[in-house]
Amino acid sequence: MFAVYAARPNPEDPLASLVVGDRPEAEVPDGWVRVKISHASLNRHDLFTLRGITAQPEPIPFPMILGNDGAGTLDDGTPVVIYPVMGSDDWRDDETLDPGWHILSERVPGTFSDYVAVPKRNAIPLPSGISLLDASVLGTAWLTAYRALFTKSNLRPGQTMLVQGASGGMSTALIQLGRAAGFEVWATSRSPKGRELAEKLGARRTFSANETLPRKVRAVIDNIGPASWEHSMASVARGGTVVMTGLTTGPEVKLSLLPMLGGQITVCGSIMGTLHDMKCMISFMVETGIKPEIGQVLPMERAKEAFGAMSKGDTHGKTVLTR
């Protein structure tokens, strides 16, 4: 079948390992279903896979079909959106805390292909009111954004939040979800274009990267990491929360404990979300009429073009590949 895959790990030149070609169709074990993919979206995780980077104890079994998120139809024609988190068969708690958790394209083939096999519970029937195109972006960036806001941030309606970086897939999700939830959303961006996009999506105020804010905010959601860490800590109010959702500028920061101690600041990480989180997010989006910001839609055959733009940071919102 047609697939976009990583041929081998390549830390120095990840795009050199990207192949658009054919792979064997995935087997469908008992209790799993086959999904015919119509739409699948890119994530930075796909670049990590090309580099061979994984948080899992086992290395990625290359060659590996890429793609964490997707939407399509079951063999009986039912439209579904894919919940990308999988784990131990006997785990019954928060899926993101399962020691054996992983997502598509880490241990099993991903969504950039004609078909993908997933456990039955991971194929969520799509309600009316949300399209396959919009559903295809929800599994990673949007799910992480939803959990960061509604489970981790401790925000209440009317309080102010800061989104570090305004134009990426997760940042646009945070802005749209935050506005719909009644938070006052502020955002930073390196460019006027990014700030303009943030304001269009519902940010009340926007600022240049690392610009001093007029007042401190109740929560900061940061998916950038080292380049914004000091600004995030300087921008959060006493008793507030900093939620880390990504590390686009690296995994290490210079950490001073005094501001956390003196300001009684909560710093936490948030990644992905539970199946319950995803179902609640979908219902919330249907009820509020949120339509995800999708910057580009390309046929899957043009995956190399899409990956090149993402690696350079030349994107806004989510990029979706179609079959």
Protein backbone atom coordinates (compact mmCIF):
# COMPACT_ATOMS: atom_id res chain seq x y z
CA MET A 1 0.00 0.00 0.00
CA PHE A 2 0.99 3.64 -0.40
CA ALA A 3 2.85 5.05 2.62
CA VAL A 4 5.11 7.85 3.82
CA TYR A 5 7.78 6.37 6.04
CA ALA A 6 11.15 6.78 7.71
CA ALA A 7 13.63 4.38 6.13
CA ARG A 8 16.21 4.68 8.91
CA PRO A 9 17.17 7.05 11.74
CA ASN A 10 19.09 10.10 10.57
CA PRO A 11 19.91 12.56 13.38
CA GLU A 12 21.89 14.93 11.14
CA ASP A 13 19.64 15.09 8.07
CA PRO A 14 16.21 13.70 8.99
CA LEU A 15 14.52 14.59 5.71
CA ALA A 16 17.02 12.40 3.85
CA SER A 17 15.38 9.36 5.46
CA LEU A 18 11.86 10.35 4.37
CA VAL A 19 10.45 8.02 1.72
CA VAL A 20 7.22 8.29 -0.26
CA GLY A 21 6.54 4.81 -1.59
CA ASP A 22 5.01 1.48 -0.66
CA ARG A 23 4.88 -0.61 2.50
CA PRO A 24 3.08 -3.86 3.38
CA GLU A 25 -0.40 -3.34 4.77
CA ALA A 26 -0.50 -3.65 8.55
CA GLU A 27 -1.91 -6.78 10.14
CA VAL A 28 -5.15 -6.38 12.11
CA PRO A 29 -4.91 -8.34 15.40
CA ASP A 30 -7.94 -9.54 17.33
CA GLY A 31 -9.67 -6.58 18.98
CA TRP A 32 -8.24 -4.12 16.45
CA VAL A 33 -9.86 -2.46 13.43
CA ARG A 34 -8.65 -1.25 10.07
CA VAL A 35 -9.12 2.43 9.20
CA LYS A 36 -8.97 3.69 5.63
CA ILE A 37 -7.19 7.02 5.99
CA SER A 38 -8.64 10.06 4.24
CA HIS A 39 -6.84 12.79 6.21
CA ALA A 40 -3.74 12.77 8.43
CA SER A 41 -1.88 15.69 9.99
CA LEU A 42 1.79 16.44 10.60
CA ASN A 43 3.39 16.87 14.01
CA ARG A 44 6.92 17.69 15.12
CA HIS A 45 6.98 14.19 16.53
CA ASP A 46 7.33 13.00 12.91
CA LEU A 47 10.65 14.86 12.66
CA PHE A 48 11.77 13.26 15.92
CA THR A 49 10.97 9.84 14.44
CA LEU A 50 13.04 10.61 11.36
CA ARG A 51 15.93 11.47 13.69
CA GLY A 52 15.43 8.24 15.63
CA ILE A 53 14.45 10.10 18.80
CA THR A 54 11.96 8.38 21.08
CA ALA A 55 11.01 8.57 24.75
CA GLN A 56 10.37 4.84 24.71
CA PRO A 57 12.92 2.40 26.18
CA GLU A 58 12.96 0.36 22.98
CA PRO A 59 14.34 1.84 19.74
CA ILE A 60 11.96 2.51 16.87
CA PRO A 61 11.73 -0.52 14.55
CA PHE A 62 12.67 1.01 11.20
CA PRO A 63 11.42 1.29 8.53
CA MET A 64 8.46 2.99 10.20
CA ILE A 65 5.34 4.54 8.65
CA LEU A 66 5.01 8.07 10.00
CA GLY A 67 1.97 9.91 11.31
CA ASN A 68 0.36 10.15 14.75
CA ASP A 69 -3.01 11.64 13.85
CA GLY A 70 -5.67 10.79 11.32
CA ALA A 71 -9.29 10.32 10.38
CA GLY A 72 -11.05 8.06 7.92
CA THR A 73 -13.56 5.23 7.71
CA LEU A 74 -13.90 1.71 9.03
CA ASP A 75 -14.54 -1.16 6.65
CA ASP A 76 -18.31 -0.68 7.21
CA GLY A 77 -18.07 2.99 6.22
CA THR A 78 -18.29 4.48 9.73
CA PRO A 79 -16.32 7.77 9.91
CA VAL A 80 -13.82 7.77 12.78
CA VAL A 81 -11.06 9.88 14.30
CA ILE A 82 -8.03 8.11 15.72
CA TYR A 83 -6.98 8.38 19.36
CA PRO A 84 -3.21 7.83 19.02
CA VAL A 85 -2.28 6.67 22.54
CA MET A 86 -1.86 2.93 23.12
CA GLY A 87 -0.50 0.95 26.03
CA SER A 88 -0.75 -2.12 28.23
CA ASP A 89 -3.82 -4.31 27.81
CA ASP A 90 -4.38 -4.50 31.58
CA TRP A 91 -3.94 -0.75 32.33
CA ARG A 92 -7.17 0.90 33.55
CA ASP A 93 -5.96 4.32 34.75
CA ASP A 94 -4.85 7.51 32.98
CA GLU A 95 -3.43 6.25 29.67
CA THR A 96 -0.63 8.82 29.67
CA LEU A 97 0.73 7.39 32.95
CA ASP A 98 0.85 3.79 31.73
CA PRO A 99 4.54 2.72 31.83
CA GLY A 100 3.94 0.93 28.53
CA TRP A 101 2.24 3.79 26.72
CA HIS A 102 3.24 4.76 23.20
CA ILE A 103 1.70 6.44 20.18
CA LEU A 104 1.34 5.54 16.54
CA SER A 105 4.64 5.50 14.59
CA GLU A 106 6.72 4.57 17.65
CA ARG A 107 6.08 0.81 17.94
CA VAL A 108 3.35 0.30 15.35
CA PRO A 109 2.86 1.87 11.89
CA GLY A 110 1.40 5.37 11.74
CA THR A 111 -1.31 7.14 9.76
CA PHE A 112 0.53 8.33 6.63
CA SER A 113 -0.71 5.44 4.52
CA ASP A 114 -3.76 4.02 2.80
CA TYR A 115 -4.73 2.03 5.91
CA VAL A 116 -3.79 1.91 9.57
CA ALA A 117 -4.63 -0.71 12.20
CA VAL A 118 -5.55 0.46 15.72
CA PRO A 119 -7.22 -1.06 18.78
CA LYS A 120 -11.00 -0.79 18.48
CA ARG A 121 -11.22 1.70 21.36
CA ASN A 122 -8.81 4.01 19.51
CA ALA A 123 -11.21 4.50 16.57
CA ILE A 124 -13.71 7.06 17.89
CA PRO A 125 -16.96 7.37 15.86
CA LEU A 126 -17.13 10.89 14.54
CA PRO A 127 -20.20 12.92 15.58
CA SER A 128 -22.01 15.15 13.13
CA GLY A 129 -20.74 18.69 13.28
CA ILE A 130 -17.08 17.94 12.73
CA SER A 131 -15.50 17.02 9.41
CA LEU A 132 -12.88 14.38 8.69
CA LEU A 133 -10.51 17.21 7.75
CA ASP A 134 -10.91 18.97 11.10
CA ALA A 135 -10.90 15.70 13.05
CA SER A 136 -7.54 14.68 11.56
CA VAL A 137 -5.65 17.34 13.56
CA LEU A 138 -7.04 16.48 17.00
CA GLY A 139 -5.01 13.52 18.23
CA THR A 140 -1.71 15.10 19.29
CA ALA A 141 -1.42 18.90 19.35
CA TRP A 142 -5.08 19.60 20.08
CA LEU A 143 -5.38 16.84 22.65
CA THR A 144 -2.23 18.04 24.43
CA ALA A 145 -3.56 21.61 24.38
CA TYR A 146 -6.94 20.55 25.77
CA ARG A 147 -5.41 18.61 28.67
CA ALA A 148 -2.96 21.42 29.46
CA LEU A 149 -5.81 23.92 29.74
CA PHE A 150 -8.57 21.90 31.37
CA THR A 151 -6.60 19.47 33.57
CA LYS A 152 -3.25 21.09 34.33
CA SER A 153 -3.47 24.91 34.22
CA ASN A 154 -5.87 25.49 37.17
CA LEU A 155 -7.39 28.35 35.15
CA ARG A 156 -10.90 29.63 35.74
CA PRO A 157 -13.06 31.60 33.28
CA GLY A 158 -12.04 35.24 33.18
CA GLN A 159 -8.44 34.60 34.23
CA THR A 160 -5.53 35.43 31.92
CA MET A 161 -3.30 32.87 30.23
CA LEU A 162 -0.19 33.34 28.09
CA VAL A 163 0.56 31.13 25.09
CA GLN A 164 4.25 31.09 24.18
CA GLY A 165 4.45 31.12 20.38
CA ALA A 166 1.35 31.95 18.41
CA SER A 167 1.34 30.23 15.05
CA GLY A 168 2.14 26.52 15.51
CA GLY A 169 -0.47 23.79 15.61
CA MET A 170 -0.51 23.49 19.40
CA SER A 171 -0.42 27.25 19.95
CA THR A 172 -3.36 27.91 17.66
CA ALA A 173 -5.26 25.12 19.45
CA LEU A 174 -4.51 26.73 22.84
CA ILE A 175 -5.73 30.10 21.63
CA GLN A 176 -8.96 28.76 20.13
CA LEU A 177 -9.75 26.48 23.08
CA GLY A 178 -8.84 29.15 25.63
CA ARG A 179 -11.05 31.76 24.06
CA ALA A 180 -13.99 29.33 23.84
CA ALA A 181 -13.53 28.43 27.52
CA GLY A 182 -13.77 32.07 28.61
CA PHE A 183 -10.11 32.69 29.46
CA GLU A 184 -8.42 35.95 28.51
CA VAL A 185 -5.78 34.78 26.06
CA TRP A 186 -2.46 36.53 25.52
CA ALA A 187 0.16 35.21 23.11
CA THR A 188 3.73 35.84 22.01
CA SER A 189 5.25 35.53 18.56
CA ARG A 190 8.54 36.28 16.85
CA SER A 191 6.76 37.92 13.90
CA PRO A 192 3.97 40.42 13.21
CA LYS A 193 2.32 37.75 11.03
CA GLY A 194 2.18 35.36 13.97
CA ARG A 195 0.69 38.02 16.24
CA GLU A 196 -1.89 38.87 13.59
CA LEU A 197 -2.90 35.21 13.36
CA ALA A 198 -3.18 34.95 17.15
CA GLU A 199 -5.47 37.96 17.29
CA LYS A 200 -7.61 36.57 14.48
CA LEU A 201 -8.05 33.34 16.43
CA GLY A 202 -9.08 35.10 19.62
CA ALA A 203 -6.02 36.35 21.52
CA ARG A 204 -6.93 39.53 23.40
CA ARG A 205 -3.35 40.83 23.38
CA THR A 206 -0.14 39.78 21.63
CA PHE A 207 3.52 40.49 22.31
CA SER A 208 6.92 39.96 20.76
CA ALA A 209 8.89 36.94 21.91
CA ASN A 210 10.23 37.52 25.47
CA GLU A 211 8.64 40.97 25.68
CA THR A 212 7.86 42.10 29.23
CA LEU A 213 4.13 41.84 29.88
CA PRO A 214 2.10 44.73 31.36
CA ARG A 215 1.07 42.44 34.23
CA LYS A 216 1.63 38.85 35.24
CA VAL A 217 -0.77 36.09 34.19
CA ARG A 218 -2.37 33.21 36.05
CA ALA A 219 -1.01 30.50 33.76
CA VAL A 220 1.60 30.16 31.02
CA ILE A 221 1.46 27.35 28.47
CA ASP A 222 4.91 26.86 26.97
CA ASN A 223 5.72 24.41 24.16
CA ILE A 224 8.99 26.14 23.21
CA GLY A 225 11.32 25.32 26.11
CA PRO A 226 14.75 26.90 26.67
CA ALA A 227 14.18 29.92 24.42
CA SER A 228 11.11 31.01 26.41
CA TRP A 229 11.65 29.43 29.85
CA GLU A 230 12.94 32.53 31.67
CA HIS A 231 10.17 34.65 30.15
CA SER A 232 7.54 32.12 31.20
CA MET A 233 8.79 32.13 34.79
CA ALA A 234 8.95 35.93 34.82
CA SER A 235 5.43 36.23 33.41
CA VAL A 236 3.47 33.99 35.80
CA ALA A 237 1.79 35.48 38.85
CA ARG A 238 2.37 34.33 42.43
CA GLY A 239 0.50 31.09 42.97
CA GLY A 240 0.19 30.57 39.21
CA THR A 241 1.06 27.68 36.95
CA VAL A 242 3.52 27.08 34.12
CA VAL A 243 2.57 24.11 31.94
CA MET A 244 5.27 22.71 29.66
CA THR A 245 3.81 21.00 26.58
CA GLY A 246 6.78 20.85 24.23
CA LEU A 247 10.51 21.34 23.76
CA THR A 248 10.92 22.76 20.28
CA THR A 249 14.16 24.58 21.23
CA GLY A 250 15.72 21.74 23.22
CA PRO A 251 15.30 19.65 26.37
CA GLU A 252 17.47 21.52 28.92
CA VAL A 253 17.05 24.81 30.80
CA LYS A 254 18.98 26.64 33.50
CA LEU A 255 16.74 26.16 36.50
CA SER A 256 16.55 28.53 39.47
CA LEU A 257 14.38 27.19 42.29
CA LEU A 258 13.99 30.49 44.16
CA PRO A 259 11.21 31.95 41.95
CA MET A 260 9.19 28.74 42.26
CA LEU A 261 9.65 28.66 46.00
CA GLY A 262 9.07 32.34 46.70
CA GLY A 263 6.22 32.70 44.24
CA GLN A 264 4.61 29.34 45.10
CA ILE A 265 4.56 28.62 41.36
CA THR A 266 3.47 25.24 40.06
CA VAL A 267 5.52 23.92 37.14
CA CYS A 268 4.24 20.77 35.44
CA GLY A 269 4.48 18.84 32.22
CA SER A 270 1.54 17.79 30.09
CA ILE A 271 1.61 15.47 27.11
CA MET A 272 -1.20 14.01 25.04
CA GLY A 273 -4.37 13.12 26.99
CA THR A 274 -6.71 10.32 27.93
CA LEU A 275 -9.37 8.77 25.73
CA HIS A 276 -11.91 10.51 27.96
CA ASP A 277 -10.10 13.83 27.39
CA MET A 278 -10.32 13.36 23.63
CA LYS A 279 -14.02 12.53 23.67
CA CYS A 280 -14.71 15.54 25.92
CA MET A 281 -12.66 17.78 23.61
CA ILE A 282 -14.59 16.66 20.55
CA SER A 283 -17.90 17.35 22.31
CA PHE A 284 -16.62 20.77 23.43
CA MET A 285 -15.58 21.66 19.90
CA VAL A 286 -18.94 20.64 18.45
CA GLU A 287 -20.83 22.58 21.14
CA THR A 288 -18.74 25.75 20.74
CA GLY A 289 -18.38 25.56 16.95
CA ILE A 290 -14.57 25.64 17.00
CA LYS A 291 -12.96 24.96 13.64
CA PRO A 292 -9.23 24.19 13.92
CA GLU A 293 -6.81 26.49 12.17
CA ILE A 294 -5.51 24.47 9.21
CA GLY A 295 -2.78 26.21 7.31
CA GLN A 296 -2.19 23.81 4.43
CA VAL A 297 -3.84 20.77 2.86
CA LEU A 298 -1.73 18.69 0.48
CA PRO A 299 -2.02 15.25 -1.10
CA MET A 300 0.07 12.70 0.73
CA GLU A 301 2.24 12.30 -2.37
CA ARG A 302 3.61 15.79 -1.58
CA ALA A 303 4.69 14.82 1.93
CA LYS A 304 8.31 15.85 1.35
CA GLU A 305 7.19 19.39 0.57
CA ALA A 306 5.09 19.49 3.75
CA PHE A 307 7.88 18.10 5.92
CA GLY A 308 10.35 20.60 4.48
CA ALA A 309 8.10 23.52 5.38
CA MET A 310 7.54 22.19 8.91
CA SER A 311 11.26 21.67 9.52
CA LYS A 312 11.94 25.30 8.51
CA GLY A 313 9.08 26.65 10.63
CA ASP A 314 7.30 27.96 7.53
CA THR A 315 3.83 26.86 8.67
CA HIS A 316 0.88 28.19 10.63
CA GLY A 317 -1.80 26.08 12.20
CA LYS A 318 -1.83 22.43 11.18
CA THR A 319 -0.74 20.82 7.92
CA VAL A 320 -2.97 18.01 6.67
CA LEU A 321 -2.13 15.31 4.11
CA THR A 322 -4.97 13.70 2.19
CA ARG A 323 -5.55 10.44 0.34
